[in-house]
């Protein structure tokens, strides 16, 4: 498993531990951003994502009722 796959696996587990139902999670390699697709996203989940080190960049809805959340890992 490559370093980026391991990192993706770790982030996926952390997000699942928050109780977020992940429909898909993709990583953009050129800017280290994550695109999360889910059914529900509220302020509580956004605050919890912030606590684990993911910063909200953008959030949009889709026609099929999903929410696309663009996240970026915070620089420590």
PDB file of N, CA and C in Angstrom:
ATOM      1  N   UNK A   1       0.836  -1.170   0.000  1.00  0.00           N
ATOM      2  CA  UNK A   1       0.000   0.000   0.000  1.00  0.00           C
ATOM      3  C   UNK A   1       0.885   1.238   0.000  1.00  0.00           C
ATOM      4  N   UNK A   2       0.599   2.201  -0.884  1.00  0.00           N
ATOM      5  CA  UNK A   2       1.419   3.405  -0.969  1.00  0.00           C
ATOM      6  C   UNK A   2       1.080   4.355   0.179  1.00  0.00           C
ATOM      7  N   UNK A   3       1.939   5.358   0.359  1.00  0.00           N
ATOM      8  CA  UNK A   3       1.759   6.308   1.452  1.00  0.00           C
ATOM      9  C   UNK A   3       0.439   7.047   1.320  1.00  0.00           C
ATOM     10  N   UNK A   4       0.061   7.445   0.110  1.00  0.00           N
ATOM     11  CA  UNK A   4      -1.191   8.173  -0.082  1.00  0.00           C
ATOM     12  C   UNK A   4      -2.400   7.277   0.189  1.00  0.00           C
ATOM     13  N   UNK A   5      -2.305   5.989  -0.150  1.00  0.00           N
ATOM     14  CA  UNK A   5      -3.406   5.064   0.134  1.00  0.00           C
ATOM     15  C   UNK A   5      -3.550   4.849   1.629  1.00  0.00           C
ATOM     16  N   UNK A   6      -2.428   4.764   2.332  1.00  0.00           N
ATOM     17  CA  UNK A   6      -2.465   4.613   3.790  1.00  0.00           C
ATOM     18  C   UNK A   6      -3.075   5.845   4.439  1.00  0.00           C
ATOM     19  N   UNK A   7      -2.675   7.027   3.956  1.00  0.00           N
ATOM     20  CA  UNK A   7      -3.211   8.276   4.486  1.00  0.00           C
ATOM     21  C   UNK A   7      -4.723   8.358   4.231  1.00  0.00           C
ATOM     22  N   UNK A   8      -5.149   7.960   3.052  1.00  0.00           N
ATOM     23  CA  UNK A   8      -6.564   7.969   2.693  1.00  0.00           C
ATOM     24  C   UNK A   8      -7.344   7.017   3.600  1.00  0.00           C
ATOM     25  N   UNK A   9      -6.773   5.857   3.876  1.00  0.00           N
ATOM     26  CA  UNK A   9      -7.413   4.874   4.752  1.00  0.00           C
ATOM     27  C   UNK A   9      -7.573   5.438   6.173  1.00  0.00           C
ATOM     28  N   UNK A  10      -6.563   6.124   6.659  1.00  0.00           N
ATOM     29  CA  UNK A  10      -6.605   6.710   7.996  1.00  0.00           C
ATOM     30  C   UNK A  10      -7.690   7.782   8.073  1.00  0.00           C
ATOM     31  N   UNK A  11      -7.738   8.683   7.075  1.00  0.00           N
ATOM     32  CA  UNK A  11      -8.759   9.726   7.065  1.00  0.00           C
ATOM     33  C   UNK A  11     -10.157   9.124   6.970  1.00  0.00           C
ATOM     34  N   UNK A  12     -10.320   8.097   6.139  1.00  0.00           N
ATOM     35  CA  UNK A  12     -11.628   7.444   5.991  1.00  0.00           C
ATOM     36  C   UNK A  12     -12.104   6.879   7.332  1.00  0.00           C
ATOM     37  N   UNK A  13     -11.215   6.202   8.059  1.00  0.00           N
ATOM     38  CA  UNK A  13     -11.564   5.639   9.363  1.00  0.00           C
ATOM     39  C   UNK A  13     -11.933   6.738  10.366  1.00  0.00           C
ATOM     40  N   UNK A  14     -11.167   7.838  10.375  1.00  0.00           N
ATOM     41  CA  UNK A  14     -11.459   8.938  11.291  1.00  0.00           C
ATOM     42  C   UNK A  14     -12.832   9.544  10.998  1.00  0.00           C
ATOM     43  N   UNK A  15     -13.154   9.710   9.717  1.00  0.00           N
ATOM     44  CA  UNK A  15     -14.439  10.282   9.333  1.00  0.00           C
ATOM     45  C   UNK A  15     -15.572   9.327   9.696  1.00  0.00           C
ATOM     46  N   UNK A  16     -15.382   8.042   9.467  1.00  0.00           N
ATOM     47  CA  UNK A  16     -16.404   7.051   9.823  1.00  0.00           C
ATOM     48  C   UNK A  16     -16.627   7.018  11.338  1.00  0.00           C
ATOM     49  N   UNK A  17     -15.581   7.210  12.123  1.00  0.00           N
ATOM     50  CA  UNK A  17     -15.699   7.209  13.581  1.00  0.00           C
ATOM     51  C   UNK A  17     -16.566   8.368  14.077  1.00  0.00           C
ATOM     52  N   UNK A  18     -16.660   9.436  13.292  1.00  0.00           N
ATOM     53  CA  UNK A  18     -17.517  10.566  13.659  1.00  0.00           C
ATOM     54  C   UNK A  18     -18.994  10.255  13.435  1.00  0.00           C
ATOM     55  N   UNK A  19     -19.277   9.197  12.684  1.00  0.00           N
ATOM     56  CA  UNK A  19     -20.656   8.832  12.402  1.00  0.00           C
ATOM     57  C   UNK A  19     -21.161   9.327  11.062  1.00  0.00           C
ATOM     58  N   UNK A  20     -20.266   9.808  10.229  1.00  0.00           N
ATOM     59  CA  UNK A  20     -20.641  10.297   8.905  1.00  0.00           C
ATOM     60  C   UNK A  20     -20.735   9.110   7.956  1.00  0.00           C
ATOM     61  N   UNK A  21     -21.857   9.008   7.255  1.00  0.00           N
ATOM     62  CA  UNK A  21     -22.083   7.943   6.280  1.00  0.00           C
ATOM     63  C   UNK A  21     -21.381   8.324   4.975  1.00  0.00           C
ATOM     64  N   UNK A  22     -20.264   7.693   4.675  1.00  0.00           N
ATOM     65  CA  UNK A  22     -19.461   8.027   3.501  1.00  0.00           C
ATOM     66  C   UNK A  22     -20.008   7.281   2.288  1.00  0.00           C
ATOM     67  N   UNK A  23     -20.458   8.031   1.290  1.00  0.00           N
ATOM     68  CA  UNK A  23     -20.850   7.434   0.015  1.00  0.00           C
ATOM     69  C   UNK A  23     -19.614   7.265  -0.865  1.00  0.00           C
ATOM     70  N   UNK A  24     -18.730   8.261  -0.853  1.00  0.00           N
ATOM     71  CA  UNK A  24     -17.433   8.147  -1.529  1.00  0.00           C
ATOM     72  C   UNK A  24     -16.474   9.167  -0.919  1.00  0.00           C
ATOM     73  N   UNK A  25     -15.197   8.862  -1.016  1.00  0.00           N
ATOM     74  CA  UNK A  25     -14.150   9.746  -0.537  1.00  0.00           C
ATOM     75  C   UNK A  25     -12.997   9.659  -1.518  1.00  0.00           C
ATOM     76  N   UNK A  26     -12.720  10.769  -2.176  1.00  0.00           N
ATOM     77  CA  UNK A  26     -11.657  10.838  -3.180  1.00  0.00           C
ATOM     78  C   UNK A  26     -10.631  11.866  -2.745  1.00  0.00           C
ATOM     79  N   UNK A  27      -9.387  11.648  -3.161  1.00  0.00           N
ATOM     80  CA  UNK A  27      -8.311  12.577  -2.830  1.00  0.00           C
ATOM     81  C   UNK A  27      -7.761  13.185  -4.107  1.00  0.00           C
ATOM     82  N   UNK A  28      -7.589  14.515  -4.093  1.00  0.00           N
ATOM     83  CA  UNK A  28      -6.943  15.220  -5.191  1.00  0.00           C
ATOM     84  C   UNK A  28      -5.463  15.304  -4.852  1.00  0.00           C
ATOM     85  N   UNK A  29      -4.645  14.625  -5.619  1.00  0.00           N
ATOM     86  CA  UNK A  29      -3.217  14.524  -5.292  1.00  0.00           C
ATOM     87  C   UNK A  29      -2.478  15.854  -5.409  1.00  0.00           C
ATOM     88  N   UNK A  30      -2.860  16.705  -6.365  1.00  0.00           N
ATOM     89  CA  UNK A  30      -2.084  17.918  -6.598  1.00  0.00           C
ATOM     90  C   UNK A  30      -2.243  18.963  -5.497  1.00  0.00           C
ATOM     91  N   UNK A  31      -3.345  18.942  -4.740  1.00  0.00           N
ATOM     92  CA  UNK A  31      -3.502  19.936  -3.679  1.00  0.00           C
ATOM     93  C   UNK A  31      -3.883  19.331  -2.328  1.00  0.00           C
ATOM     94  N   UNK A  32      -3.830  18.013  -2.205  1.00  0.00           N
ATOM     95  CA  UNK A  32      -4.090  17.294  -0.954  1.00  0.00           C
ATOM     96  C   UNK A  32      -5.468  17.616  -0.367  1.00  0.00           C
ATOM     97  N   UNK A  33      -6.455  17.729  -1.244  1.00  0.00           N
ATOM     98  CA  UNK A  33      -7.827  17.948  -0.805  1.00  0.00           C
ATOM     99  C   UNK A  33      -8.623  16.665  -0.947  1.00  0.00           C
ATOM    100  N   UNK A  34      -9.671  16.565  -0.162  1.00  0.00           N
ATOM    101  CA  UNK A  34     -10.535  15.391  -0.162  1.00  0.00           C
ATOM    102  C   UNK A  34     -11.944  15.796  -0.578  1.00  0.00           C
ATOM    103  N   UNK A  35     -12.564  14.986  -1.436  1.00  0.00           N
ATOM    104  CA  UNK A  35     -13.946  15.213  -1.829  1.00  0.00           C
ATOM    105  C   UNK A  35     -14.785  14.111  -1.197  1.00  0.00           C
ATOM    106  N   UNK A  36     -15.624  14.508  -0.251  1.00  0.00           N
ATOM    107  CA  UNK A  36     -16.468  13.591   0.503  1.00  0.00           C
ATOM    108  C   UNK A  36     -17.895  13.709  -0.003  1.00  0.00           C
ATOM    109  N   UNK A  37     -18.503  12.577  -0.359  1.00  0.00           N
ATOM    110  CA  UNK A  37     -19.920  12.551  -0.718  1.00  0.00           C
ATOM    111  C   UNK A  37     -20.667  11.816   0.383  1.00  0.00           C
ATOM    112  N   UNK A  38     -21.747  12.432   0.858  1.00  0.00           N
ATOM    113  CA  UNK A  38     -22.536  11.869   1.939  1.00  0.00           C
ATOM    114  C   UNK A  38     -23.984  12.311   1.784  1.00  0.00           C
ATOM    115  N   UNK A  39     -24.865  11.796   2.612  1.00  0.00           N
ATOM    116  CA  UNK A  39     -26.278  12.169   2.574  1.00  0.00           C
ATOM    117  C   UNK A  39     -26.590  13.317   3.529  1.00  0.00           C
ATOM    118  N   UNK A  40     -25.863  13.418   4.637  1.00  0.00           N
ATOM    119  CA  UNK A  40     -26.168  14.400   5.667  1.00  0.00           C
ATOM    120  C   UNK A  40     -24.894  15.089   6.117  1.00  0.00           C
ATOM    121  N   UNK A  41     -24.949  16.414   6.193  1.00  0.00           N
ATOM    122  CA  UNK A  41     -23.828  17.183   6.725  1.00  0.00           C
ATOM    123  C   UNK A  41     -24.425  18.356   7.482  1.00  0.00           C
ATOM    124  N   UNK A  42     -24.089  18.485   8.742  1.00  0.00           N
ATOM    125  CA  UNK A  42     -24.570  19.609   9.531  1.00  0.00           C
ATOM    126  C   UNK A  42     -23.414  20.251  10.290  1.00  0.00           C
ATOM    127  N   UNK A  43     -23.720  21.278  11.060  1.00  0.00           N
ATOM    128  CA  UNK A  43     -22.691  22.046  11.772  1.00  0.00           C
ATOM    129  C   UNK A  43     -21.922  21.160  12.751  1.00  0.00           C
ATOM    130  N   UNK A  44     -22.606  20.226  13.397  1.00  0.00           N
ATOM    131  CA  UNK A  44     -21.928  19.319  14.337  1.00  0.00           C
ATOM    132  C   UNK A  44     -20.830  18.528  13.624  1.00  0.00           C
ATOM    133  N   UNK A  45     -21.164  17.932  12.474  1.00  0.00           N
ATOM    134  CA  UNK A  45     -20.171  17.153  11.730  1.00  0.00           C
ATOM    135  C   UNK A  45     -19.030  18.038  11.242  1.00  0.00           C
ATOM    136  N   UNK A  46     -19.343  19.259  10.818  1.00  0.00           N
ATOM    137  CA  UNK A  46     -18.282  20.169  10.370  1.00  0.00           C
ATOM    138  C   UNK A  46     -17.344  20.523  11.517  1.00  0.00           C
ATOM    139  N   UNK A  47     -17.899  20.734  12.710  1.00  0.00           N
ATOM    140  CA  UNK A  47     -17.055  21.018  13.879  1.00  0.00           C
ATOM    141  C   UNK A  47     -16.177  19.821  14.230  1.00  0.00           C
ATOM    142  N   UNK A  48     -16.740  18.617  14.147  1.00  0.00           N
ATOM    143  CA  UNK A  48     -15.965  17.412  14.449  1.00  0.00           C
ATOM    144  C   UNK A  48     -14.866  17.181  13.406  1.00  0.00           C
ATOM    145  N   UNK A  49     -15.154  17.439  12.132  1.00  0.00           N
ATOM    146  CA  UNK A  49     -14.130  17.329  11.086  1.00  0.00           C
ATOM    147  C   UNK A  49     -12.990  18.306  11.362  1.00  0.00           C
ATOM    148  N   UNK A  50     -13.338  19.497  11.819  1.00  0.00           N
ATOM    149  CA  UNK A  50     -12.329  20.500  12.155  1.00  0.00           C
ATOM    150  C   UNK A  50     -11.448  20.014  13.304  1.00  0.00           C
ATOM    151  N   UNK A  51     -12.039  19.336  14.278  1.00  0.00           N
ATOM    152  CA  UNK A  51     -11.282  18.833  15.431  1.00  0.00           C
ATOM    153  C   UNK A  51     -10.277  17.749  15.043  1.00  0.00           C
ATOM    154  N   UNK A  52     -10.603  16.939  14.022  1.00  0.00           N
ATOM    155  CA  UNK A  52      -9.664  15.883  13.625  1.00  0.00           C
ATOM    156  C   UNK A  52      -8.640  16.371  12.608  1.00  0.00           C
ATOM    157  N   UNK A  53      -8.748  17.654  12.181  1.00  0.00           N
ATOM    158  CA  UNK A  53      -7.715  18.225  11.321  1.00  0.00           C
ATOM    159  C   UNK A  53      -8.110  18.420   9.871  1.00  0.00           C
ATOM    160  N   UNK A  54      -9.413  18.419   9.569  1.00  0.00           N
ATOM    161  CA  UNK A  54      -9.869  18.666   8.206  1.00  0.00           C
ATOM    162  C   UNK A  54     -10.626  19.987   8.147  1.00  0.00           C
ATOM    163  N   UNK A  55     -10.218  20.857   7.245  1.00  0.00           N
ATOM    164  CA  UNK A  55     -10.798  22.181   7.109  1.00  0.00           C
ATOM    165  C   UNK A  55     -11.783  22.201   5.944  1.00  0.00           C
ATOM    166  N   UNK A  56     -12.959  22.796   6.154  1.00  0.00           N
ATOM    167  CA  UNK A  56     -13.977  22.904   5.109  1.00  0.00           C
ATOM    168  C   UNK A  56     -13.536  23.925   4.068  1.00  0.00           C
ATOM    169  N   UNK A  57     -13.576  23.521   2.794  1.00  0.00           N
ATOM    170  CA  UNK A  57     -13.276  24.428   1.696  1.00  0.00           C
ATOM    171  C   UNK A  57     -14.564  24.832   0.990  1.00  0.00           C
ATOM    172  N   UNK A  58     -15.418  23.859   0.678  1.00  0.00           N
ATOM    173  CA  UNK A  58     -16.651  24.116  -0.055  1.00  0.00           C
ATOM    174  C   UNK A  58     -17.648  23.004   0.243  1.00  0.00           C
ATOM    175  N   UNK A  59     -18.935  23.339   0.178  1.00  0.00           N
ATOM    176  CA  UNK A  59     -19.981  22.344   0.352  1.00  0.00           C
ATOM    177  C   UNK A  59     -21.086  22.640  -0.664  1.00  0.00           C
ATOM    178  N   UNK A  60     -21.488  21.619  -1.413  1.00  0.00           N
ATOM    179  CA  UNK A  60     -22.528  21.780  -2.421  1.00  0.00           C
ATOM    180  C   UNK A  60     -23.462  20.583  -2.389  1.00  0.00           C
ATOM    181  N   UNK A  61     -24.685  20.807  -2.837  1.00  0.00           N
ATOM    182  CA  UNK A  61     -25.663  19.736  -2.942  1.00  0.00           C
ATOM    183  C   UNK A  61     -25.725  19.218  -4.367  1.00  0.00           C
ATOM    184  N   UNK A  62     -26.185  17.983  -4.529  1.00  0.00           N
ATOM    185  CA  UNK A  62     -26.341  17.398  -5.855  1.00  0.00           C
ATOM    186  C   UNK A  62     -27.821  17.141  -6.109  1.00  0.00           C
ATOM    187  N   UNK A  63     -28.158  16.836  -7.347  1.00  0.00           N
ATOM    188  CA  UNK A  63     -29.550  16.600  -7.722  1.00  0.00           C
ATOM    189  C   UNK A  63     -30.114  15.323  -7.103  1.00  0.00           C
ATOM    190  N   UNK A  64     -29.275  14.368  -6.823  1.00  0.00           N
ATOM    191  CA  UNK A  64     -29.759  13.100  -6.270  1.00  0.00           C
ATOM    192  C   UNK A  64     -29.781  13.081  -4.739  1.00  0.00           C
ATOM    193  N   UNK A  65     -29.707  14.240  -4.111  1.00  0.00           N
ATOM    194  CA  UNK A  65     -29.853  14.335  -2.670  1.00  0.00           C
ATOM    195  C   UNK A  65     -28.595  14.128  -1.863  1.00  0.00           C
ATOM    196  N   UNK A  66     -27.456  14.053  -2.503  1.00  0.00           N
ATOM    197  CA  UNK A  66     -26.190  13.905  -1.777  1.00  0.00           C
ATOM    198  C   UNK A  66     -25.553  15.277  -1.567  1.00  0.00           C
ATOM    199  N   UNK A  67     -24.634  15.310  -0.651  1.00  0.00           N
ATOM    200  CA  UNK A  67     -23.876  16.523  -0.358  1.00  0.00           C
ATOM    201  C   UNK A  67     -22.420  16.245  -0.687  1.00  0.00           C
ATOM    202  N   UNK A  68     -21.788  17.144  -1.450  1.00  0.00           N
ATOM    203  CA  UNK A  68     -20.359  17.033  -1.753  1.00  0.00           C
ATOM    204  C   UNK A  68     -19.623  18.057  -0.893  1.00  0.00           C
ATOM    205  N   UNK A  69     -18.698  17.563  -0.090  1.00  0.00           N
ATOM    206  CA  UNK A  69     -17.945  18.411   0.832  1.00  0.00           C
ATOM    207  C   UNK A  69     -16.479  18.353   0.426  1.00  0.00           C
ATOM    208  N   UNK A  70     -15.906  19.511   0.127  1.00  0.00           N
ATOM    209  CA  UNK A  70     -14.493  19.590  -0.220  1.00  0.00           C
ATOM    210  C   UNK A  70     -13.727  19.968   1.039  1.00  0.00           C
ATOM    211  N   UNK A  71     -12.792  19.114   1.429  1.00  0.00           N
ATOM    212  CA  UNK A  71     -12.032  19.288   2.660  1.00  0.00           C
ATOM    213  C   UNK A  71     -10.537  19.346   2.367  1.00  0.00           C
ATOM    214  N   UNK A  72      -9.794  19.986   3.249  1.00  0.00           N
ATOM    215  CA  UNK A  72      -8.340  20.035   3.120  1.00  0.00           C
ATOM    216  C   UNK A  72      -7.732  19.779   4.483  1.00  0.00           C
ATOM    217  N   UNK A  73      -6.676  18.992   4.504  1.00  0.00           N
ATOM    218  CA  UNK A  73      -5.973  18.719   5.760  1.00  0.00           C
ATOM    219  C   UNK A  73      -5.290  20.006   6.236  1.00  0.00           C
ATOM    220  N   UNK A  74      -5.473  20.324   7.510  1.00  0.00           N
ATOM    221  CA  UNK A  74      -4.855  21.518   8.075  1.00  0.00           C
ATOM    222  C   UNK A  74      -3.357  21.346   8.159  1.00  0.00           C
ATOM    223  N   UNK A  75      -2.653  22.429   7.957  1.00  0.00           N
ATOM    224  CA  UNK A  75      -1.200  22.419   8.102  1.00  0.00           C
ATOM    225  C   UNK A  75      -0.886  22.778   9.535  1.00  0.00           C
ATOM    226  N   UNK A  76      -0.168  21.895  10.201  1.00  0.00           N
ATOM    227  CA  UNK A  76       0.132  22.112  11.633  1.00  0.00           C
ATOM    228  C   UNK A  76       1.257  23.067  11.819  1.00  0.00           C
TER     229      UNK A  76
END
